[in-house]
Amino acid sequence: MQTLKVSVKKLPVLVTRPASQAEEICPELEALGCEVIRQPMLKIDAVAETAKIKSQFMDIDLFDAVIAISRNAAEMGLMYLDQYWPQWPLGVDWIAIGPVTAAVMQAQGLETKMPSSQFDSEGALNMPELQNVAGKKILIWRGVGGRETLASTLRERGAEVKYAELYQRLIPEYDEQQWQQALALKPLLLVSSGQGLEAIAAQQPKIADSVRGIIAPSSRVAKLAKSLGFGKIQIATSAQDVDMLGAVKKWIATSQ
């Protein structure tokens, strides 16, 4: 079995993002002097188009607001939108949960709003645009399953809420040898979602003892990390690459 070698000055970082979303951050981490170890914990697969999805997108101008839960939801939602709407529909409030998702939508010319600070369902529910929603129709772009907080609260406020479930998350299974190799250097763990962290803990229940700390993308994920036994937790402003890199820089600066 090949032994991993690393300079003592390099910080080993275990990157668990889906492979397609790790291509940009990994070279940036290496530029910081980190030893990058890749072990994707989620695989994103598009859901085959159904009559329901087609109807939702053809009639999307009938919704008062569209909320994209994630970068994947935004990318796949825009793909359908482009397919059925040569020009973007008017009169729709486009809302993203956080800056990563908002950037995807804004890059395609949609005037997108997002929470001012807390980039999750609770943050979105504090937005002015989602306060007085009685009688309004809201479409949520998301993956199959997930948290119900956003939809249930909006329904309590009187909105009619529907889901467009556009992708599914598959969790790769790694054997013990693969985990031992990934954790051999006791790396800093970088996660981009609570689901990713839960997937890691399911395969490695004592993960907190096997890493030197964790970079969490939000306070909610940090709370989950604490419940799993993590002692050293660095919270990034968001899951956006620049914010995750900023948190790693801060870790390096305070660990020397």
C-alpha atoms as a PDB file:
ATOM      1  CA  MET A   1       0.000   0.000   0.000  1.00  0.00           C
ATOM      2  CA  GLN A   2       1.470   3.338  -1.085  1.00  0.00           C
ATOM      3  CA  THR A   3       2.290   5.720   1.751  1.00  0.00           C
ATOM      4  CA  LEU A   4       1.178   9.345   1.495  1.00  0.00           C
ATOM      5  CA  LYS A   5       3.996  11.832   1.930  1.00  0.00           C
ATOM      6  CA  VAL A   6       3.615  15.470   2.805  1.00  0.00           C
ATOM      7  CA  SER A   7       5.850  18.309   3.873  1.00  0.00           C
ATOM      8  CA  VAL A   8       5.563  18.999   7.586  1.00  0.00           C
ATOM      9  CA  LYS A   9       4.649  22.577   6.705  1.00  0.00           C
ATOM     10  CA  LYS A  10       1.672  21.549   4.605  1.00  0.00           C
ATOM     11  CA  LEU A  11      -1.810  21.372   6.077  1.00  0.00           C
ATOM     12  CA  PRO A  12      -3.643  18.237   4.893  1.00  0.00           C
ATOM     13  CA  VAL A  13      -7.239  19.072   3.933  1.00  0.00           C
ATOM     14  CA  LEU A  14      -9.888  16.451   3.223  1.00  0.00           C
ATOM     15  CA  VAL A  15     -12.243  17.843   0.558  1.00  0.00           C
ATOM     16  CA  THR A  16     -15.620  16.081   0.511  1.00  0.00           C
ATOM     17  CA  ARG A  17     -17.510  18.184  -2.038  1.00  0.00           C
ATOM     18  CA  PRO A  18     -19.141  16.433  -5.020  1.00  0.00           C
ATOM     19  CA  ALA A  19     -16.357  15.905  -7.572  1.00  0.00           C
ATOM     20  CA  SER A  20     -17.826  18.361 -10.088  1.00  0.00           C
ATOM     21  CA  GLN A  21     -17.845  21.120  -7.467  1.00  0.00           C
ATOM     22  CA  ALA A  22     -14.309  20.568  -6.177  1.00  0.00           C
ATOM     23  CA  GLU A  23     -12.392  21.405  -9.340  1.00  0.00           C
ATOM     24  CA  GLU A  24     -11.904  25.076  -8.507  1.00  0.00           C
ATOM     25  CA  ILE A  25     -11.289  25.000  -4.771  1.00  0.00           C
ATOM     26  CA  CYS A  26      -8.667  22.228  -4.794  1.00  0.00           C
ATOM     27  CA  PRO A  27      -6.022  24.173  -6.783  1.00  0.00           C
ATOM     28  CA  GLU A  28      -6.718  27.196  -4.568  1.00  0.00           C
ATOM     29  CA  LEU A  29      -6.079  25.111  -1.466  1.00  0.00           C
ATOM     30  CA  GLU A  30      -2.849  23.796  -2.977  1.00  0.00           C
ATOM     31  CA  ALA A  31      -1.819  27.385  -3.697  1.00  0.00           C
ATOM     32  CA  LEU A  32      -2.202  28.055   0.037  1.00  0.00           C
ATOM     33  CA  GLY A  33       0.271  25.253   0.689  1.00  0.00           C
ATOM     34  CA  CYS A  34      -2.294  22.596   1.616  1.00  0.00           C
ATOM     35  CA  GLU A  35      -2.055  18.903   0.835  1.00  0.00           C
ATOM     36  CA  VAL A  36      -5.453  18.152  -0.750  1.00  0.00           C
ATOM     37  CA  ILE A  37      -7.098  14.772  -0.205  1.00  0.00           C
ATOM     38  CA  ARG A  38     -10.284  14.230  -2.209  1.00  0.00           C
ATOM     39  CA  GLN A  39     -13.094  11.984  -1.041  1.00  0.00           C
ATOM     40  CA  PRO A  40     -16.468  13.146  -2.453  1.00  0.00           C
ATOM     41  CA  MET A  41     -19.342  12.315  -0.112  1.00  0.00           C
ATOM     42  CA  LEU A  42     -22.215  13.154  -2.439  1.00  0.00           C
ATOM     43  CA  LYS A  43     -22.875  12.372  -6.082  1.00  0.00           C
ATOM     44  CA  ILE A  44     -25.487  14.515  -7.812  1.00  0.00           C
ATOM     45  CA  ASP A  45     -27.700  12.846 -10.424  1.00  0.00           C
ATOM     46  CA  ALA A  46     -30.360  14.674 -12.407  1.00  0.00           C
ATOM     47  CA  VAL A  47     -33.905  13.346 -12.112  1.00  0.00           C
ATOM     48  CA  ALA A  48     -35.474  12.332 -15.420  1.00  0.00           C
ATOM     49  CA  GLU A  49     -37.988  14.896 -16.653  1.00  0.00           C
ATOM     50  CA  THR A  50     -41.562  14.075 -15.678  1.00  0.00           C
ATOM     51  CA  ALA A  51     -44.882  15.502 -16.822  1.00  0.00           C
ATOM     52  CA  LYS A  52     -45.074  17.309 -13.470  1.00  0.00           C
ATOM     53  CA  ILE A  53     -41.688  18.990 -13.925  1.00  0.00           C
ATOM     54  CA  LYS A  54     -42.524  19.981 -17.502  1.00  0.00           C
ATOM     55  CA  SER A  55     -45.834  21.501 -16.397  1.00  0.00           C
ATOM     56  CA  GLN A  56     -44.203  23.408 -13.534  1.00  0.00           C
ATOM     57  CA  PHE A  57     -41.669  25.033 -15.855  1.00  0.00           C
ATOM     58  CA  MET A  58     -44.054  25.736 -18.720  1.00  0.00           C
ATOM     59  CA  ASP A  59     -46.357  27.494 -16.225  1.00  0.00           C
ATOM     60  CA  ILE A  60     -43.626  29.081 -14.128  1.00  0.00           C
ATOM     61  CA  ASP A  61     -44.950  32.570 -14.854  1.00  0.00           C
ATOM     62  CA  LEU A  62     -48.003  31.659 -12.742  1.00  0.00           C
ATOM     63  CA  PHE A  63     -45.812  31.525  -9.624  1.00  0.00           C
ATOM     64  CA  ASP A  64     -45.159  34.639  -7.563  1.00  0.00           C
ATOM     65  CA  ALA A  65     -41.770  33.411  -6.366  1.00  0.00           C
ATOM     66  CA  VAL A  66     -39.242  30.700  -7.203  1.00  0.00           C
ATOM     67  CA  ILE A  67     -36.773  29.650  -4.517  1.00  0.00           C
ATOM     68  CA  ALA A  68     -33.599  27.712  -5.407  1.00  0.00           C
ATOM     69  CA  ILE A  69     -32.345  25.692  -2.447  1.00  0.00           C
ATOM     70  CA  SER A  70     -28.862  24.939  -3.761  1.00  0.00           C
ATOM     71  CA  ARG A  71     -26.362  25.442  -6.543  1.00  0.00           C
ATOM     72  CA  ASN A  72     -27.436  22.109  -8.066  1.00  0.00           C
ATOM     73  CA  ALA A  73     -31.084  23.139  -7.941  1.00  0.00           C
ATOM     74  CA  ALA A  74     -30.275  26.460  -9.616  1.00  0.00           C
ATOM     75  CA  GLU A  75     -28.204  24.866 -12.377  1.00  0.00           C
ATOM     76  CA  MET A  76     -30.841  22.266 -13.214  1.00  0.00           C
ATOM     77  CA  GLY A  77     -33.716  24.691 -12.838  1.00  0.00           C
ATOM     78  CA  LEU A  78     -32.047  27.091 -15.268  1.00  0.00           C
ATOM     79  CA  MET A  79     -31.558  24.252 -17.732  1.00  0.00           C
ATOM     80  CA  TYR A  80     -35.314  23.593 -17.760  1.00  0.00           C
ATOM     81  CA  LEU A  81     -36.095  27.299 -17.814  1.00  0.00           C
ATOM     82  CA  ASP A  82     -33.913  27.781 -20.875  1.00  0.00           C
ATOM     83  CA  GLN A  83     -35.623  24.850 -22.554  1.00  0.00           C
ATOM     84  CA  TYR A  84     -39.139  26.263 -22.179  1.00  0.00           C
ATOM     85  CA  TRP A  85     -38.584  30.026 -22.008  1.00  0.00           C
ATOM     86  CA  PRO A  86     -36.529  31.731 -24.763  1.00  0.00           C
ATOM     87  CA  GLN A  87     -36.856  34.888 -22.644  1.00  0.00           C
ATOM     88  CA  TRP A  88     -37.039  34.817 -18.867  1.00  0.00           C
ATOM     89  CA  PRO A  89     -40.619  35.126 -17.549  1.00  0.00           C
ATOM     90  CA  LEU A  90     -41.588  38.435 -15.942  1.00  0.00           C
ATOM     91  CA  GLY A  91     -43.257  39.082 -12.608  1.00  0.00           C
ATOM     92  CA  VAL A  92     -41.471  36.319 -10.675  1.00  0.00           C
ATOM     93  CA  ASP A  93     -39.422  36.915  -7.509  1.00  0.00           C
ATOM     94  CA  TRP A  94     -36.239  34.851  -7.911  1.00  0.00           C
ATOM     95  CA  ILE A  95     -34.775  33.868  -4.547  1.00  0.00           C
ATOM     96  CA  ALA A  96     -31.607  31.932  -3.729  1.00  0.00           C
ATOM     97  CA  ILE A  97     -30.767  30.468  -0.328  1.00  0.00           C
ATOM     98  CA  GLY A  98     -27.177  31.765  -0.427  1.00  0.00           C
ATOM     99  CA  PRO A  99     -24.456  33.462  -2.486  1.00  0.00           C
ATOM    100  CA  VAL A 100     -23.264  30.318  -4.307  1.00  0.00           C
ATOM    101  CA  THR A 101     -26.783  29.662  -5.600  1.00  0.00           C
ATOM    102  CA  ALA A 102     -27.450  33.344  -6.275  1.00  0.00           C
ATOM    103  CA  ALA A 103     -24.269  33.636  -8.357  1.00  0.00           C
ATOM    104  CA  VAL A 104     -25.428  30.811 -10.645  1.00  0.00           C
ATOM    105  CA  MET A 105     -28.775  32.524 -11.243  1.00  0.00           C
ATOM    106  CA  GLN A 106     -27.351  36.028 -11.615  1.00  0.00           C
ATOM    107  CA  ALA A 107     -24.822  34.776 -14.170  1.00  0.00           C
ATOM    108  CA  GLN A 108     -27.778  33.858 -16.380  1.00  0.00           C
ATOM    109  CA  GLY A 109     -29.347  37.294 -16.069  1.00  0.00           C
ATOM    110  CA  LEU A 110     -31.933  36.674 -13.360  1.00  0.00           C
ATOM    111  CA  GLU A 111     -32.353  39.442 -10.796  1.00  0.00           C
ATOM    112  CA  THR A 112     -31.925  37.267  -7.724  1.00  0.00           C
ATOM    113  CA  LYS A 113     -32.460  38.048  -4.052  1.00  0.00           C
ATOM    114  CA  MET A 114     -31.011  36.165  -1.089  1.00  0.00           C
ATOM    115  CA  PRO A 115     -30.846  36.388   2.721  1.00  0.00           C
ATOM    116  CA  SER A 116     -28.668  39.165   4.087  1.00  0.00           C
ATOM    117  CA  SER A 117     -26.612  36.922   6.360  1.00  0.00           C
ATOM    118  CA  GLN A 118     -27.951  33.502   7.423  1.00  0.00           C
ATOM    119  CA  PHE A 119     -27.760  31.377   4.290  1.00  0.00           C
ATOM    120  CA  ASP A 120     -30.268  28.629   4.998  1.00  0.00           C
ATOM    121  CA  SER A 121     -34.033  28.081   5.174  1.00  0.00           C
ATOM    122  CA  GLU A 122     -34.317  30.069   8.398  1.00  0.00           C
ATOM    123  CA  GLY A 123     -32.434  32.967   6.803  1.00  0.00           C
ATOM    124  CA  ALA A 124     -34.708  32.887   3.761  1.00  0.00           C
ATOM    125  CA  LEU A 125     -37.782  32.943   5.987  1.00  0.00           C
ATOM    126  CA  ASN A 126     -36.558  36.243   7.458  1.00  0.00           C
ATOM    127  CA  MET A 127     -36.465  37.918   4.047  1.00  0.00           C
ATOM    128  CA  PRO A 128     -39.041  40.719   3.505  1.00  0.00           C
ATOM    129  CA  GLU A 129     -40.154  39.052   0.256  1.00  0.00           C
ATOM    130  CA  LEU A 130     -41.333  35.960   2.163  1.00  0.00           C
ATOM    131  CA  GLN A 131     -43.246  37.626   4.998  1.00  0.00           C
ATOM    132  CA  ASN A 132     -46.647  38.529   3.538  1.00  0.00           C
ATOM    133  CA  VAL A 133     -47.197  35.541   1.272  1.00  0.00           C
ATOM    134  CA  ALA A 134     -50.837  34.666   1.991  1.00  0.00           C
ATOM    135  CA  GLY A 135     -52.486  33.625  -1.277  1.00  0.00           C
ATOM    136  CA  LYS A 136     -49.212  33.575  -3.212  1.00  0.00           C
ATOM    137  CA  LYS A 137     -47.905  30.644  -5.243  1.00  0.00           C
ATOM    138  CA  ILE A 138     -44.298  29.625  -4.564  1.00  0.00           C
ATOM    139  CA  LEU A 139     -42.198  27.013  -6.359  1.00  0.00           C
ATOM    140  CA  ILE A 140     -39.153  25.538  -4.609  1.00  0.00           C
ATOM    141  CA  TRP A 141     -36.366  24.057  -6.738  1.00  0.00           C
ATOM    142  CA  ARG A 142     -34.591  21.356  -4.738  1.00  0.00           C
ATOM    143  CA  GLY A 143     -33.306  17.782  -4.669  1.00  0.00           C
ATOM    144  CA  VAL A 144     -35.420  14.771  -3.795  1.00  0.00           C
ATOM    145  CA  GLY A 145     -36.187  14.866  -0.070  1.00  0.00           C
ATOM    146  CA  GLY A 146     -34.565  17.331   2.299  1.00  0.00           C
ATOM    147  CA  ARG A 147     -35.681  19.676   5.052  1.00  0.00           C
ATOM    148  CA  GLU A 148     -39.335  20.750   5.203  1.00  0.00           C
ATOM    149  CA  THR A 149     -38.835  23.897   7.303  1.00  0.00           C
ATOM    150  CA  LEU A 150     -39.084  26.362   4.426  1.00  0.00           C
ATOM    151  CA  ALA A 151     -42.195  24.956   2.759  1.00  0.00           C
ATOM    152  CA  SER A 152     -44.064  24.205   5.991  1.00  0.00           C
ATOM    153  CA  THR A 153     -43.496  27.711   7.358  1.00  0.00           C
ATOM    154  CA  LEU A 154     -44.524  29.372   4.097  1.00  0.00           C
ATOM    155  CA  ARG A 155     -47.701  27.270   4.092  1.00  0.00           C
ATOM    156  CA  GLU A 156     -48.403  28.366   7.653  1.00  0.00           C
ATOM    157  CA  ARG A 157     -48.145  31.932   6.361  1.00  0.00           C
ATOM    158  CA  GLY A 158     -50.827  31.166   3.797  1.00  0.00           C
ATOM    159  CA  ALA A 159     -48.779  30.459   0.670  1.00  0.00           C
ATOM    160  CA  GLU A 160     -49.419  27.664  -1.823  1.00  0.00           C
ATOM    161  CA  VAL A 161     -46.065  25.884  -2.073  1.00  0.00           C
ATOM    162  CA  LYS A 162     -44.970  23.270  -4.605  1.00  0.00           C
ATOM    163  CA  TYR A 163     -41.693  21.413  -5.066  1.00  0.00           C
ATOM    164  CA  ALA A 164     -39.798  20.897  -8.305  1.00  0.00           C
ATOM    165  CA  GLU A 165     -37.466  18.051  -7.278  1.00  0.00           C
ATOM    166  CA  LEU A 166     -34.765  18.157  -9.936  1.00  0.00           C
ATOM    167  CA  TYR A 167     -31.942  15.920  -8.692  1.00  0.00           C
ATOM    168  CA  GLN A 168     -31.098  13.223  -6.229  1.00  0.00           C
ATOM    169  CA  ARG A 169     -28.093  12.866  -3.944  1.00  0.00           C
ATOM    170  CA  LEU A 170     -26.286   9.547  -3.951  1.00  0.00           C
ATOM    171  CA  ILE A 171     -23.804   8.718  -1.195  1.00  0.00           C
ATOM    172  CA  PRO A 172     -20.669   6.791  -2.247  1.00  0.00           C
ATOM    173  CA  GLU A 173     -19.681   3.942   0.072  1.00  0.00           C
ATOM    174  CA  TYR A 174     -15.987   3.880   1.002  1.00  0.00           C
ATOM    175  CA  ASP A 175     -14.384   0.850   2.638  1.00  0.00           C
ATOM    176  CA  GLU A 176     -12.231   1.004   5.757  1.00  0.00           C
ATOM    177  CA  GLN A 177      -8.973   0.951   3.794  1.00  0.00           C
ATOM    178  CA  GLN A 178     -10.060   3.966   1.756  1.00  0.00           C
ATOM    179  CA  TRP A 179     -10.980   5.807   4.949  1.00  0.00           C
ATOM    180  CA  GLN A 180      -7.697   4.926   6.595  1.00  0.00           C
ATOM    181  CA  GLN A 181      -5.818   6.305   3.617  1.00  0.00           C
ATOM    182  CA  ALA A 182      -7.886   9.501   3.537  1.00  0.00           C
ATOM    183  CA  LEU A 183      -7.438  10.049   7.277  1.00  0.00           C
ATOM    184  CA  ALA A 184      -3.802   8.929   7.580  1.00  0.00           C
ATOM    185  CA  LEU A 185      -2.505  12.508   7.943  1.00  0.00           C
ATOM    186  CA  LYS A 186      -5.247  13.527  10.394  1.00  0.00           C
ATOM    187  CA  PRO A 187      -6.462  16.203   7.955  1.00  0.00           C
ATOM    188  CA  LEU A 188      -8.607  19.264   8.392  1.00  0.00           C
ATOM    189  CA  LEU A 189     -12.098  18.252   7.253  1.00  0.00           C
ATOM    190  CA  LEU A 190     -13.871  20.537   4.785  1.00  0.00           C
ATOM    191  CA  VAL A 191     -17.618  19.964   4.325  1.00  0.00           C
ATOM    192  CA  SER A 192     -20.109  21.959   2.284  1.00  0.00           C
ATOM    193  CA  SER A 193     -23.406  20.683   3.724  1.00  0.00           C
ATOM    194  CA  GLY A 194     -25.005  19.026   6.713  1.00  0.00           C
ATOM    195  CA  GLN A 195     -25.975  16.045   4.592  1.00  0.00           C
ATOM    196  CA  GLY A 196     -22.360  15.540   3.579  1.00  0.00           C
ATOM    197  CA  LEU A 197     -21.256  15.591   7.215  1.00  0.00           C
ATOM    198  CA  GLU A 198     -23.993  13.131   8.188  1.00  0.00           C
ATOM    199  CA  ALA A 199     -22.859  10.816   5.366  1.00  0.00           C
ATOM    200  CA  ILE A 200     -19.280  10.916   6.692  1.00  0.00           C
ATOM    201  CA  ALA A 201     -20.399  10.221  10.265  1.00  0.00           C
ATOM    202  CA  ALA A 202     -22.505   7.267   9.093  1.00  0.00           C
ATOM    203  CA  GLN A 203     -19.383   5.619   7.640  1.00  0.00           C
ATOM    204  CA  GLN A 204     -16.925   6.883  10.271  1.00  0.00           C
ATOM    205  CA  PRO A 205     -18.790   7.392  13.585  1.00  0.00           C
ATOM    206  CA  LYS A 206     -15.575   8.553  15.302  1.00  0.00           C
ATOM    207  CA  ILE A 207     -14.635  11.001  12.547  1.00  0.00           C
ATOM    208  CA  ALA A 208     -14.138  13.806  15.087  1.00  0.00           C
ATOM    209  CA  ASP A 209     -11.239  11.856  16.597  1.00  0.00           C
ATOM    210  CA  SER A 210      -9.656  11.187  13.205  1.00  0.00           C
ATOM    211  CA  VAL A 211      -9.295  14.796  11.987  1.00  0.00           C
ATOM    212  CA  ARG A 212      -7.694  17.902  13.435  1.00  0.00           C
ATOM    213  CA  GLY A 213     -10.843  19.978  13.017  1.00  0.00           C
ATOM    214  CA  ILE A 214     -13.605  20.941  10.610  1.00  0.00           C
ATOM    215  CA  ILE A 215     -14.498  23.841   8.328  1.00  0.00           C
ATOM    216  CA  ALA A 216     -18.306  24.205   8.382  1.00  0.00           C
ATOM    217  CA  PRO A 217     -20.228  26.329   5.850  1.00  0.00           C
ATOM    218  CA  SER A 218     -22.831  27.602   8.328  1.00  0.00           C
ATOM    219  CA  SER A 219     -23.768  27.804  11.993  1.00  0.00           C
ATOM    220  CA  ARG A 220     -26.303  25.006  11.471  1.00  0.00           C
ATOM    221  CA  VAL A 221     -23.632  22.622  10.174  1.00  0.00           C
ATOM    222  CA  ALA A 222     -21.294  23.750  12.964  1.00  0.00           C
ATOM    223  CA  LYS A 223     -23.987  22.819  15.496  1.00  0.00           C
ATOM    224  CA  LEU A 224     -24.249  19.386  13.885  1.00  0.00           C
ATOM    225  CA  ALA A 225     -20.455  19.038  14.033  1.00  0.00           C
ATOM    226  CA  LYS A 226     -20.476  19.880  17.737  1.00  0.00           C
ATOM    227  CA  SER A 227     -23.117  17.210  18.369  1.00  0.00           C
ATOM    228  CA  LEU A 228     -20.840  14.692  16.626  1.00  0.00           C
ATOM    229  CA  GLY A 229     -17.997  15.467  19.011  1.00  0.00           C
ATOM    230  CA  PHE A 230     -15.925  17.976  17.052  1.00  0.00           C
ATOM    231  CA  GLY A 231     -13.997  20.301  19.333  1.00  0.00           C
ATOM    232  CA  LYS A 232     -12.233  22.531  16.815  1.00  0.00           C
ATOM    233  CA  ILE A 233     -14.758  24.090  14.434  1.00  0.00           C
ATOM    234  CA  GLN A 234     -14.121  26.975  12.032  1.00  0.00           C
ATOM    235  CA  ILE A 235     -17.305  28.483  10.567  1.00  0.00           C
ATOM    236  CA  ALA A 236     -17.123  29.935   7.054  1.00  0.00           C
ATOM    237  CA  THR A 237     -19.426  32.777   5.995  1.00  0.00           C
ATOM    238  CA  SER A 238     -20.945  30.489   3.365  1.00  0.00           C
ATOM    239  CA  ALA A 239     -20.195  27.396   1.271  1.00  0.00           C
ATOM    240  CA  GLN A 240     -18.882  29.642  -1.497  1.00  0.00           C
ATOM    241  CA  ASP A 241     -15.284  28.831  -2.467  1.00  0.00           C
ATOM    242  CA  VAL A 242     -13.967  32.240  -1.457  1.00  0.00           C
ATOM    243  CA  ASP A 243     -15.537  31.950   2.007  1.00  0.00           C
ATOM    244  CA  MET A 244     -14.369  28.380   2.563  1.00  0.00           C
ATOM    245  CA  LEU A 245     -10.851  29.394   1.517  1.00  0.00           C
ATOM    246  CA  GLY A 246     -11.036  32.356   3.879  1.00  0.00           C
ATOM    247  CA  ALA A 247     -11.896  30.007   6.736  1.00  0.00           C
ATOM    248  CA  VAL A 248      -8.955  27.753   5.861  1.00  0.00           C
ATOM    249  CA  LYS A 249      -6.639  30.794   5.817  1.00  0.00           C
ATOM    250  CA  LYS A 250      -7.946  31.777   9.240  1.00  0.00           C
ATOM    251  CA  TRP A 251      -7.347  28.232  10.494  1.00  0.00           C
ATOM    252  CA  ILE A 252      -3.771  28.310   9.224  1.00  0.00           C
ATOM    253  CA  ALA A 253      -3.122  31.736  10.764  1.00  0.00           C
ATOM    254  CA  THR A 254      -4.457  30.750  14.192  1.00  0.00           C
ATOM    255  CA  SER A 255      -2.847  27.305  14.243  1.00  0.00           C
ATOM    256  CA  GLN A 256       0.730  28.464  13.842  1.00  0.00           C
END
